[in-house]
Amino acid sequence: MVGIDRSRFQFLIADAVRAAGGCLVCADIPMRPTSIMDIPVNKHQLEANPPKTSQIGQRALDLWKRREQLWNASLSNEQASGSRYSLGMWVRDGCFWLDNIMRPSELLAAKSAENTVWTRMFWRANQPSDKSVVFGRAAAPAVLGLFSTFMRGGFSVSTFSTEQFLFQAANHSGIKLKFVPFSSTPEGDAMYFVGDRLCLLRRYYQGPDAHQIPFCEDIVDKKVWGQSAAVFLPSRDAHFGYASLSRGRRLCARAHGDIGR
């Protein structure tokens, strides 16, 4: 957003989505995170980074809050357009895509697709990754309502991380969780810029070696890496809601004019 004001940036995003055949229902660029005063002390939820005391935890909670706001905007869009979404997807803005995602038609053909969450396995445990997640319409309220769930106290069992919290949300709501291979959501996270070169951290990459991927460890001397050689690219502060509606052109035009309200 360097050199571009907030309003202009929103319209540029809306135009790009519209050119691709979609509709930008809502663009939320928050100016400040959730107030710490509003965060409850949930001692047994997100134990690795408690939002009450950890900045990392606060950012995760704020991300959940923005997603839930976008979900509420999407519900209003459903009512106004007289249509119903089939699938939803969230993607962290630090994801670097190497290929196309899986075909939505294949997911919709699966049994219980409405109540299924598709994601890759978290690289360190038998838990879902929360980097890129696809979900059926019936599963959406649970996976997009993590903020409210946390604010209400979370779950009766403890959770260590955001991945475990997502797992418990699915389990508590009776949602079918299905792990997919890397080829279904071929993205790598931990994306950095080293000078003007984009790179990924090798230790977090889960995909095959078939792609020509610039790894940060190959670009920067290991003695220098982690000090001042790299600048973390994603801000995780801007989140956008997309809706591809064949019958919602007039609605989309109105939404385009009301972005950010």
C-alpha atoms as a PDB file:
ATOM      1  CA  MET A   1       0.000   0.000   0.000  1.00  0.00           C
ATOM      2  CA  VAL A   2       3.039   2.256  -0.193  1.00  0.00           C
ATOM      3  CA  GLY A   3       2.101   5.507  -1.941  1.00  0.00           C
ATOM      4  CA  ILE A   4      -1.590   4.540  -2.239  1.00  0.00           C
ATOM      5  CA  ASP A   5      -4.242   5.782   0.148  1.00  0.00           C
ATOM      6  CA  ARG A   6      -6.733   3.405   1.726  1.00  0.00           C
ATOM      7  CA  SER A   7      -9.691   4.314  -0.504  1.00  0.00           C
ATOM      8  CA  ARG A   8      -7.684   4.013  -3.712  1.00  0.00           C
ATOM      9  CA  PHE A   9      -6.292   0.656  -2.658  1.00  0.00           C
ATOM     10  CA  GLN A  10      -9.801  -0.674  -2.017  1.00  0.00           C
ATOM     11  CA  PHE A  11     -10.978   0.333  -5.494  1.00  0.00           C
ATOM     12  CA  LEU A  12      -7.901  -1.207  -7.131  1.00  0.00           C
ATOM     13  CA  ILE A  13      -8.654  -4.529  -5.410  1.00  0.00           C
ATOM     14  CA  ALA A  14     -12.340  -4.336  -6.384  1.00  0.00           C
ATOM     15  CA  ASP A  15     -11.461  -3.654 -10.021  1.00  0.00           C
ATOM     16  CA  ALA A  16      -9.031  -6.581 -10.130  1.00  0.00           C
ATOM     17  CA  VAL A  17     -11.619  -8.970  -8.680  1.00  0.00           C
ATOM     18  CA  ARG A  18     -14.313  -7.721 -11.064  1.00  0.00           C
ATOM     19  CA  ALA A  19     -11.973  -8.135 -14.046  1.00  0.00           C
ATOM     20  CA  ALA A  20     -11.523 -11.785 -13.028  1.00  0.00           C
ATOM     21  CA  GLY A  21     -15.296 -12.327 -13.026  1.00  0.00           C
ATOM     22  CA  GLY A  22     -15.854 -12.020  -9.280  1.00  0.00           C
ATOM     23  CA  CYS A  23     -17.450  -9.557  -6.915  1.00  0.00           C
ATOM     24  CA  LEU A  24     -15.724  -7.896  -3.982  1.00  0.00           C
ATOM     25  CA  VAL A  25     -18.420  -7.769  -1.324  1.00  0.00           C
ATOM     26  CA  CYS A  26     -16.366  -6.209   1.442  1.00  0.00           C
ATOM     27  CA  ALA A  27     -12.873  -4.793   1.914  1.00  0.00           C
ATOM     28  CA  ASP A  28     -11.746  -4.294   5.491  1.00  0.00           C
ATOM     29  CA  ILE A  29      -8.439  -2.566   6.172  1.00  0.00           C
ATOM     30  CA  PRO A  30      -8.373  -2.102   9.953  1.00  0.00           C
ATOM     31  CA  MET A  31      -6.384   0.796  11.314  1.00  0.00           C
ATOM     32  CA  ARG A  32      -5.783  -0.767  14.741  1.00  0.00           C
ATOM     33  CA  PRO A  33      -5.981  -4.245  16.302  1.00  0.00           C
ATOM     34  CA  THR A  34      -8.534  -5.505  18.805  1.00  0.00           C
ATOM     35  CA  SER A  35      -8.215  -3.727  22.139  1.00  0.00           C
ATOM     36  CA  ILE A  36      -6.427  -5.858  24.731  1.00  0.00           C
ATOM     37  CA  MET A  37      -8.996  -4.682  27.291  1.00  0.00           C
ATOM     38  CA  ASP A  38     -11.666  -6.642  25.398  1.00  0.00           C
ATOM     39  CA  ILE A  39      -9.791  -9.957  25.367  1.00  0.00           C
ATOM     40  CA  PRO A  40     -10.807 -12.465  28.060  1.00  0.00           C
ATOM     41  CA  VAL A  41      -8.271 -14.491  30.005  1.00  0.00           C
ATOM     42  CA  ASN A  42      -8.781 -18.014  28.621  1.00  0.00           C
ATOM     43  CA  LYS A  43      -5.980 -19.851  30.389  1.00  0.00           C
ATOM     44  CA  HIS A  44      -6.469 -23.117  28.497  1.00  0.00           C
ATOM     45  CA  GLN A  45      -7.063 -21.723  24.996  1.00  0.00           C
ATOM     46  CA  LEU A  46      -4.222 -20.863  22.569  1.00  0.00           C
ATOM     47  CA  GLU A  47      -1.701 -21.668  25.298  1.00  0.00           C
ATOM     48  CA  ALA A  48       1.304 -21.145  22.997  1.00  0.00           C
ATOM     49  CA  ASN A  49       0.406 -17.484  22.433  1.00  0.00           C
ATOM     50  CA  PRO A  50      -2.390 -16.321  24.780  1.00  0.00           C
ATOM     51  CA  PRO A  51      -4.085 -13.306  23.143  1.00  0.00           C
ATOM     52  CA  LYS A  52      -4.356 -11.511  26.485  1.00  0.00           C
ATOM     53  CA  THR A  53      -0.575 -11.324  26.890  1.00  0.00           C
ATOM     54  CA  SER A  54       0.955 -12.240  23.516  1.00  0.00           C
ATOM     55  CA  GLN A  55       1.135  -9.958  20.493  1.00  0.00           C
ATOM     56  CA  ILE A  56       1.146 -13.008  18.216  1.00  0.00           C
ATOM     57  CA  GLY A  57      -2.012 -14.244  19.898  1.00  0.00           C
ATOM     58  CA  GLN A  58      -3.611 -10.814  19.586  1.00  0.00           C
ATOM     59  CA  ARG A  59      -2.927 -10.737  15.860  1.00  0.00           C
ATOM     60  CA  ALA A  60      -4.439 -14.211  15.433  1.00  0.00           C
ATOM     61  CA  LEU A  61      -7.547 -13.150  17.334  1.00  0.00           C
ATOM     62  CA  ASP A  62      -7.831  -9.970  15.302  1.00  0.00           C
ATOM     63  CA  LEU A  63      -7.577 -12.018  12.101  1.00  0.00           C
ATOM     64  CA  TRP A  64     -10.441 -14.219  13.300  1.00  0.00           C
ATOM     65  CA  LYS A  65     -12.474 -11.126  14.114  1.00  0.00           C
ATOM     66  CA  ARG A  66     -12.034  -9.723  10.588  1.00  0.00           C
ATOM     67  CA  ARG A  67     -12.977 -13.053   9.013  1.00  0.00           C
ATOM     68  CA  GLU A  68     -16.144 -13.184  11.073  1.00  0.00           C
ATOM     69  CA  GLN A  69     -17.040  -9.649   9.985  1.00  0.00           C
ATOM     70  CA  LEU A  70     -16.576 -10.686   6.353  1.00  0.00           C
ATOM     71  CA  TRP A  71     -18.741 -13.742   6.968  1.00  0.00           C
ATOM     72  CA  ASN A  72     -21.517 -11.533   8.307  1.00  0.00           C
ATOM     73  CA  ALA A  73     -21.221  -9.375   5.179  1.00  0.00           C
ATOM     74  CA  SER A  74     -21.454 -12.541   3.072  1.00  0.00           C
ATOM     75  CA  LEU A  75     -24.652 -13.576   4.859  1.00  0.00           C
ATOM     76  CA  SER A  76     -26.174 -10.212   3.996  1.00  0.00           C
ATOM     77  CA  ASN A  77     -25.050 -10.732   0.417  1.00  0.00           C
ATOM     78  CA  GLU A  78     -26.782 -14.121   0.288  1.00  0.00           C
ATOM     79  CA  GLN A  79     -30.041 -12.598   1.467  1.00  0.00           C
ATOM     80  CA  ALA A  80     -29.849  -9.642  -0.916  1.00  0.00           C
ATOM     81  CA  SER A  81     -28.985 -11.773  -3.960  1.00  0.00           C
ATOM     82  CA  GLY A  82     -31.373 -14.624  -3.222  1.00  0.00           C
ATOM     83  CA  SER A  83     -28.580 -17.153  -3.685  1.00  0.00           C
ATOM     84  CA  ARG A  84     -26.544 -19.427  -1.442  1.00  0.00           C
ATOM     85  CA  TYR A  85     -22.828 -20.055  -1.388  1.00  0.00           C
ATOM     86  CA  SER A  86     -21.579 -23.571  -2.009  1.00  0.00           C
ATOM     87  CA  LEU A  87     -17.975 -23.280  -0.842  1.00  0.00           C
ATOM     88  CA  GLY A  88     -15.884 -20.825   1.103  1.00  0.00           C
ATOM     89  CA  MET A  89     -12.145 -20.402   1.401  1.00  0.00           C
ATOM     90  CA  TRP A  90      -9.735 -18.393   3.456  1.00  0.00           C
ATOM     91  CA  VAL A  91      -6.106 -17.819   2.574  1.00  0.00           C
ATOM     92  CA  ARG A  92      -3.450 -16.144   4.653  1.00  0.00           C
ATOM     93  CA  ASP A  93      -1.846 -13.257   2.845  1.00  0.00           C
ATOM     94  CA  GLY A  94       1.606 -14.787   3.358  1.00  0.00           C
ATOM     95  CA  CYS A  95       0.865 -17.671   0.965  1.00  0.00           C
ATOM     96  CA  PHE A  96       2.868 -17.948  -2.253  1.00  0.00           C
ATOM     97  CA  TRP A  97       0.909 -19.954  -4.838  1.00  0.00           C
ATOM     98  CA  LEU A  98       2.846 -22.315  -7.081  1.00  0.00           C
ATOM     99  CA  ASP A  99      -0.064 -23.750  -9.090  1.00  0.00           C
ATOM    100  CA  ASN A 100      -3.873 -23.816  -9.332  1.00  0.00           C
ATOM    101  CA  ILE A 101      -5.982 -25.084  -6.451  1.00  0.00           C
ATOM    102  CA  MET A 102      -8.132 -28.206  -6.633  1.00  0.00           C
ATOM    103  CA  ARG A 103     -11.294 -28.069  -8.742  1.00  0.00           C
ATOM    104  CA  PRO A 104     -14.328 -26.914  -6.723  1.00  0.00           C
ATOM    105  CA  SER A 105     -16.542 -29.301  -8.712  1.00  0.00           C
ATOM    106  CA  GLU A 106     -14.575 -32.256  -7.338  1.00  0.00           C
ATOM    107  CA  LEU A 107     -15.082 -31.059  -3.778  1.00  0.00           C
ATOM    108  CA  LEU A 108     -18.805 -30.451  -4.272  1.00  0.00           C
ATOM    109  CA  ALA A 109     -19.212 -33.971  -5.665  1.00  0.00           C
ATOM    110  CA  ALA A 110     -17.865 -35.476  -2.445  1.00  0.00           C
ATOM    111  CA  LYS A 111     -20.218 -36.981   0.111  1.00  0.00           C
ATOM    112  CA  SER A 112     -21.204 -34.503   2.859  1.00  0.00           C
ATOM    113  CA  ALA A 113     -19.446 -31.681   1.018  1.00  0.00           C
ATOM    114  CA  GLU A 114     -21.713 -29.114   2.713  1.00  0.00           C
ATOM    115  CA  ASN A 115     -20.333 -30.069   6.106  1.00  0.00           C
ATOM    116  CA  THR A 116     -16.689 -30.693   5.218  1.00  0.00           C
ATOM    117  CA  VAL A 117     -13.475 -28.741   5.779  1.00  0.00           C
ATOM    118  CA  TRP A 118     -10.547 -29.423   3.433  1.00  0.00           C
ATOM    119  CA  THR A 119      -7.040 -28.434   4.436  1.00  0.00           C
ATOM    120  CA  ARG A 120      -3.501 -29.748   4.462  1.00  0.00           C
ATOM    121  CA  MET A 121      -2.061 -31.365   7.551  1.00  0.00           C
ATOM    122  CA  PHE A 122      -0.079 -29.080   9.831  1.00  0.00           C
ATOM    123  CA  TRP A 123       3.592 -29.773   9.265  1.00  0.00           C
ATOM    124  CA  ARG A 124       4.434 -30.587  12.908  1.00  0.00           C
ATOM    125  CA  ALA A 125       1.406 -32.559  14.080  1.00  0.00           C
ATOM    126  CA  ASN A 126      -1.695 -34.451  13.079  1.00  0.00           C
ATOM    127  CA  GLN A 127      -3.674 -31.204  13.064  1.00  0.00           C
ATOM    128  CA  PRO A 128      -5.190 -29.088  10.268  1.00  0.00           C
ATOM    129  CA  SER A 129      -3.129 -26.302   8.804  1.00  0.00           C
ATOM    130  CA  ASP A 130      -4.868 -22.938   9.009  1.00  0.00           C
ATOM    131  CA  LYS A 131      -2.944 -21.335   6.138  1.00  0.00           C
ATOM    132  CA  SER A 132      -5.423 -22.137   3.339  1.00  0.00           C
ATOM    133  CA  VAL A 133      -8.746 -23.747   4.213  1.00  0.00           C
ATOM    134  CA  VAL A 134     -11.733 -24.667   2.019  1.00  0.00           C
ATOM    135  CA  PHE A 135     -15.103 -25.412   3.593  1.00  0.00           C
ATOM    136  CA  GLY A 136     -18.675 -26.250   2.662  1.00  0.00           C
ATOM    137  CA  ARG A 137     -21.548 -23.876   3.325  1.00  0.00           C
ATOM    138  CA  ALA A 138     -22.842 -25.702   6.405  1.00  0.00           C
ATOM    139  CA  ALA A 139     -19.337 -25.721   7.932  1.00  0.00           C
ATOM    140  CA  ALA A 140     -18.824 -21.985   7.384  1.00  0.00           C
ATOM    141  CA  PRO A 141     -20.440 -20.666  10.601  1.00  0.00           C
ATOM    142  CA  ALA A 142     -18.106 -22.753  12.775  1.00  0.00           C
ATOM    143  CA  VAL A 143     -14.829 -22.121  10.957  1.00  0.00           C
ATOM    144  CA  LEU A 144     -15.554 -18.422  10.339  1.00  0.00           C
ATOM    145  CA  GLY A 145     -16.863 -17.889  13.860  1.00  0.00           C
ATOM    146  CA  LEU A 146     -13.647 -18.673  15.737  1.00  0.00           C
ATOM    147  CA  PHE A 147     -13.488 -15.161  17.196  1.00  0.00           C
ATOM    148  CA  SER A 148     -16.870 -15.401  18.901  1.00  0.00           C
ATOM    149  CA  THR A 149     -16.074 -18.948  20.053  1.00  0.00           C
ATOM    150  CA  PHE A 150     -12.891 -17.733  21.748  1.00  0.00           C
ATOM    151  CA  MET A 151     -14.595 -14.722  23.296  1.00  0.00           C
ATOM    152  CA  ARG A 152     -17.226 -17.048  24.788  1.00  0.00           C
ATOM    153  CA  GLY A 153     -14.497 -19.115  26.467  1.00  0.00           C
ATOM    154  CA  GLY A 154     -13.515 -21.612  23.809  1.00  0.00           C
ATOM    155  CA  PHE A 155     -13.817 -25.346  24.445  1.00  0.00           C
ATOM    156  CA  SER A 156     -13.862 -27.684  27.443  1.00  0.00           C
ATOM    157  CA  VAL A 157     -10.536 -29.130  26.273  1.00  0.00           C
ATOM    158  CA  SER A 158      -7.369 -27.046  26.112  1.00  0.00           C
ATOM    159  CA  THR A 159      -5.878 -25.858  22.832  1.00  0.00           C
ATOM    160  CA  PHE A 160      -2.216 -25.068  22.285  1.00  0.00           C
ATOM    161  CA  SER A 161      -2.326 -23.316  18.921  1.00  0.00           C
ATOM    162  CA  THR A 162      -4.623 -21.783  16.304  1.00  0.00           C
ATOM    163  CA  GLU A 163      -4.439 -25.092  14.412  1.00  0.00           C
ATOM    164  CA  GLN A 164      -5.725 -27.004  17.439  1.00  0.00           C
ATOM    165  CA  PHE A 165      -8.445 -24.415  17.991  1.00  0.00           C
ATOM    166  CA  LEU A 166      -9.620 -24.918  14.395  1.00  0.00           C
ATOM    167  CA  PHE A 167      -9.546 -28.695  14.923  1.00  0.00           C
ATOM    168  CA  GLN A 168     -11.707 -28.395  18.055  1.00  0.00           C
ATOM    169  CA  ALA A 169     -14.128 -26.062  16.271  1.00  0.00           C
ATOM    170  CA  ALA A 170     -14.643 -28.703  13.590  1.00  0.00           C
ATOM    171  CA  ASN A 171     -14.870 -31.541  16.105  1.00  0.00           C
ATOM    172  CA  HIS A 172     -17.276 -29.686  18.400  1.00  0.00           C
ATOM    173  CA  SER A 173     -19.600 -28.815  15.496  1.00  0.00           C
ATOM    174  CA  GLY A 174     -19.626 -32.294  13.954  1.00  0.00           C
ATOM    175  CA  ILE A 175     -17.783 -31.098  10.858  1.00  0.00           C
ATOM    176  CA  LYS A 176     -15.948 -33.624   8.702  1.00  0.00           C
ATOM    177  CA  LEU A 177     -12.263 -32.734   8.457  1.00  0.00           C
ATOM    178  CA  LYS A 178     -10.470 -34.010   5.373  1.00  0.00           C
ATOM    179  CA  PHE A 179      -6.750 -33.645   4.778  1.00  0.00           C
ATOM    180  CA  VAL A 180      -5.709 -32.987   1.187  1.00  0.00           C
ATOM    181  CA  PRO A 181      -2.288 -33.347  -0.477  1.00  0.00           C
ATOM    182  CA  PHE A 182      -0.017 -30.455  -1.330  1.00  0.00           C
ATOM    183  CA  SER A 183      -1.155 -30.567  -4.972  1.00  0.00           C
ATOM    184  CA  SER A 184      -4.694 -29.598  -3.892  1.00  0.00           C
ATOM    185  CA  THR A 185      -3.603 -26.322  -2.282  1.00  0.00           C
ATOM    186  CA  PRO A 186      -0.093 -25.801  -3.674  1.00  0.00           C
ATOM    187  CA  GLU A 187       1.130 -22.878  -1.641  1.00  0.00           C
ATOM    188  CA  GLY A 188       4.087 -22.140   0.555  1.00  0.00           C
ATOM    189  CA  ASP A 189       4.019 -19.736   3.461  1.00  0.00           C
ATOM    190  CA  ALA A 190       6.715 -17.843   5.362  1.00  0.00           C
ATOM    191  CA  MET A 191       7.234 -15.569   2.342  1.00  0.00           C
ATOM    192  CA  TYR A 192       9.964 -12.976   2.586  1.00  0.00           C
ATOM    193  CA  PHE A 193      11.767 -10.383   0.508  1.00  0.00           C
ATOM    194  CA  VAL A 194      15.553 -10.420   0.585  1.00  0.00           C
ATOM    195  CA  GLY A 195      16.432  -7.182  -1.131  1.00  0.00           C
ATOM    196  CA  ASP A 196      14.197  -7.262  -4.211  1.00  0.00           C
ATOM    197  CA  ARG A 197      14.064 -11.066  -4.367  1.00  0.00           C
ATOM    198  CA  LEU A 198      11.131 -13.102  -3.056  1.00  0.00           C
ATOM    199  CA  CYS A 199      11.933 -16.300  -1.175  1.00  0.00           C
ATOM    200  CA  LEU A 200      10.382 -18.951   1.082  1.00  0.00           C
ATOM    201  CA  LEU A 201      11.782 -20.536   4.217  1.00  0.00           C
ATOM    202  CA  ARG A 202      12.810 -24.090   3.371  1.00  0.00           C
ATOM    203  CA  ARG A 203      12.069 -25.455   6.845  1.00  0.00           C
ATOM    204  CA  TYR A 204       8.378 -24.547   6.497  1.00  0.00           C
ATOM    205  CA  TYR A 205       7.900 -25.726   2.920  1.00  0.00           C
ATOM    206  CA  GLN A 206       5.840 -28.922   2.603  1.00  0.00           C
ATOM    207  CA  GLY A 207       5.724 -29.415  -1.159  1.00  0.00           C
ATOM    208  CA  PRO A 208       7.751 -31.407  -3.668  1.00  0.00           C
ATOM    209  CA  ASP A 209      11.014 -30.216  -5.151  1.00  0.00           C
ATOM    210  CA  ALA A 210       9.509 -30.105  -8.653  1.00  0.00           C
ATOM    211  CA  HIS A 211       8.872 -26.370  -8.483  1.00  0.00           C
ATOM    212  CA  GLN A 212      11.662 -23.875  -9.022  1.00  0.00           C
ATOM    213  CA  ILE A 213      11.427 -22.258  -5.611  1.00  0.00           C
ATOM    214  CA  PRO A 214      13.835 -19.625  -4.319  1.00  0.00           C
ATOM    215  CA  PHE A 215      14.623 -20.570  -0.733  1.00  0.00           C
ATOM    216  CA  CYS A 216      15.836 -17.861   1.614  1.00  0.00           C
ATOM    217  CA  GLU A 217      18.458 -20.155   3.107  1.00  0.00           C
ATOM    218  CA  ASP A 218      20.077 -20.443  -0.351  1.00  0.00           C
ATOM    219  CA  ILE A 219      20.095 -16.685  -0.923  1.00  0.00           C
ATOM    220  CA  VAL A 220      21.316 -15.372   2.412  1.00  0.00           C
ATOM    221  CA  ASP A 221      24.346 -16.426   4.402  1.00  0.00           C
ATOM    222  CA  LYS A 222      23.181 -18.451   7.409  1.00  0.00           C
ATOM    223  CA  LYS A 223      25.163 -16.183   9.721  1.00  0.00           C
ATOM    224  CA  VAL A 224      23.231 -13.186   8.479  1.00  0.00           C
ATOM    225  CA  TRP A 225      19.795 -14.818   8.172  1.00  0.00           C
ATOM    226  CA  GLY A 226      17.409 -13.769  10.908  1.00  0.00           C
ATOM    227  CA  GLN A 227      19.134 -10.460  11.645  1.00  0.00           C
ATOM    228  CA  SER A 228      18.590  -7.700   9.081  1.00  0.00           C
ATOM    229  CA  ALA A 229      18.832  -9.417   5.710  1.00  0.00           C
ATOM    230  CA  ALA A 230      15.138 -10.186   5.283  1.00  0.00           C
ATOM    231  CA  VAL A 231      11.966  -8.170   5.513  1.00  0.00           C
ATOM    232  CA  PHE A 232       8.754 -10.045   6.280  1.00  0.00           C
ATOM    233  CA  LEU A 233       6.329  -9.371   3.445  1.00  0.00           C
ATOM    234  CA  PRO A 234       2.744  -9.915   4.646  1.00  0.00           C
ATOM    235  CA  SER A 235       1.219  -7.492   7.134  1.00  0.00           C
ATOM    236  CA  ARG A 236      -1.820  -9.678   7.941  1.00  0.00           C
ATOM    237  CA  ASP A 237      -3.762  -6.462   8.436  1.00  0.00           C
ATOM    238  CA  ALA A 238      -5.886  -6.357   5.271  1.00  0.00           C
ATOM    239  CA  HIS A 239      -8.508  -8.987   4.591  1.00  0.00           C
ATOM    240  CA  PHE A 240     -10.884  -9.162   1.665  1.00  0.00           C
ATOM    241  CA  GLY A 241     -14.129 -10.993   1.039  1.00  0.00           C
ATOM    242  CA  TYR A 242     -14.822 -12.408  -2.410  1.00  0.00           C
ATOM    243  CA  ALA A 243     -18.096 -13.557  -3.899  1.00  0.00           C
ATOM    244  CA  SER A 244     -18.472 -14.921  -7.413  1.00  0.00           C
ATOM    245  CA  LEU A 245     -22.163 -14.495  -8.172  1.00  0.00           C
ATOM    246  CA  SER A 246     -23.578 -14.929 -11.657  1.00  0.00           C
ATOM    247  CA  ARG A 247     -26.814 -13.255 -10.580  1.00  0.00           C
ATOM    248  CA  GLY A 248     -25.344 -10.534  -8.442  1.00  0.00           C
ATOM    249  CA  ARG A 249     -24.055  -7.942 -10.887  1.00  0.00           C
ATOM    250  CA  ARG A 250     -26.221  -5.087  -9.620  1.00  0.00           C
ATOM    251  CA  LEU A 251     -25.514  -6.109  -6.042  1.00  0.00           C
ATOM    252  CA  CYS A 252     -21.809  -6.198  -6.821  1.00  0.00           C
ATOM    253  CA  ALA A 253     -21.982  -2.723  -8.337  1.00  0.00           C
ATOM    254  CA  ARG A 254     -23.594  -1.449  -5.138  1.00  0.00           C
ATOM    255  CA  ALA A 255     -21.033  -3.246  -2.995  1.00  0.00           C
ATOM    256  CA  HIS A 256     -18.241  -1.731  -5.073  1.00  0.00           C
ATOM    257  CA  GLY A 257     -19.553   1.714  -4.281  1.00  0.00           C
ATOM    258  CA  ASP A 258     -19.935   0.955  -0.572  1.00  0.00           C
ATOM    259  CA  ILE A 259     -16.560  -0.663   0.061  1.00  0.00           C
ATOM    260  CA  GLY A 260     -15.175  -0.107   3.506  1.00  0.00           C
ATOM    261  CA  ARG A 261     -18.397   1.129   5.106  1.00  0.00           C
END
